[in-house]
Amino acid sequence: SCGFAEHADVNAARNIAARGVAGWAVSHAADDAA
């Protein structure tokens, strides 16, 4: 895990979601699961 979810603040998380970077989150989730 890159630790992003643990350390990102709520505003950053909202900004990422607003930008529609769902694929980024999915790719990291896949990396963590692998």
Protein backbone atom coordinates (compact mmCIF):
# COMPACT_ATOMS: atom_id res chain seq x y z
CA SER A 1 0.00 0.00 0.00
CA CYS A 2 1.22 3.47 -0.81
CA GLY A 3 -0.53 4.81 2.29
CA PHE A 4 -2.35 7.57 0.38
CA ALA A 5 -5.78 6.79 1.81
CA GLU A 6 -4.43 6.83 5.35
CA HIS A 7 -2.78 10.23 5.00
CA ALA A 8 -4.84 12.22 2.50
CA ASP A 9 -7.01 14.88 4.08
CA VAL A 10 -10.72 15.06 3.35
CA ASN A 11 -10.42 18.03 1.00
CA ALA A 12 -7.79 16.24 -1.08
CA ALA A 13 -9.97 13.14 -1.23
CA ARG A 14 -12.91 15.25 -2.38
CA ASN A 15 -10.76 16.97 -4.99
CA ILE A 16 -9.60 13.62 -6.35
CA ALA A 17 -13.17 12.34 -6.47
CA ALA A 18 -14.28 15.55 -8.17
CA ARG A 19 -11.59 15.06 -10.80
CA GLY A 20 -12.96 11.58 -11.42
CA VAL A 21 -9.72 9.76 -10.70
CA ALA A 22 -11.58 6.54 -9.91
CA GLY A 23 -9.20 4.56 -12.12
CA TRP A 24 -6.26 5.75 -10.00
CA ALA A 25 -7.89 4.45 -6.82
CA VAL A 26 -8.84 1.17 -8.49
CA SER A 27 -5.31 0.64 -9.77
CA HIS A 28 -3.91 1.18 -6.27
CA ALA A 29 -6.51 -1.13 -4.74
CA ALA A 30 -5.50 -3.80 -7.26
CA ASP A 31 -1.82 -3.29 -6.39
CA ASP A 32 -2.58 -3.67 -2.68
CA ALA A 33 -4.62 -6.83 -3.29
CA ALA A 34 -1.98 -8.40 -5.51
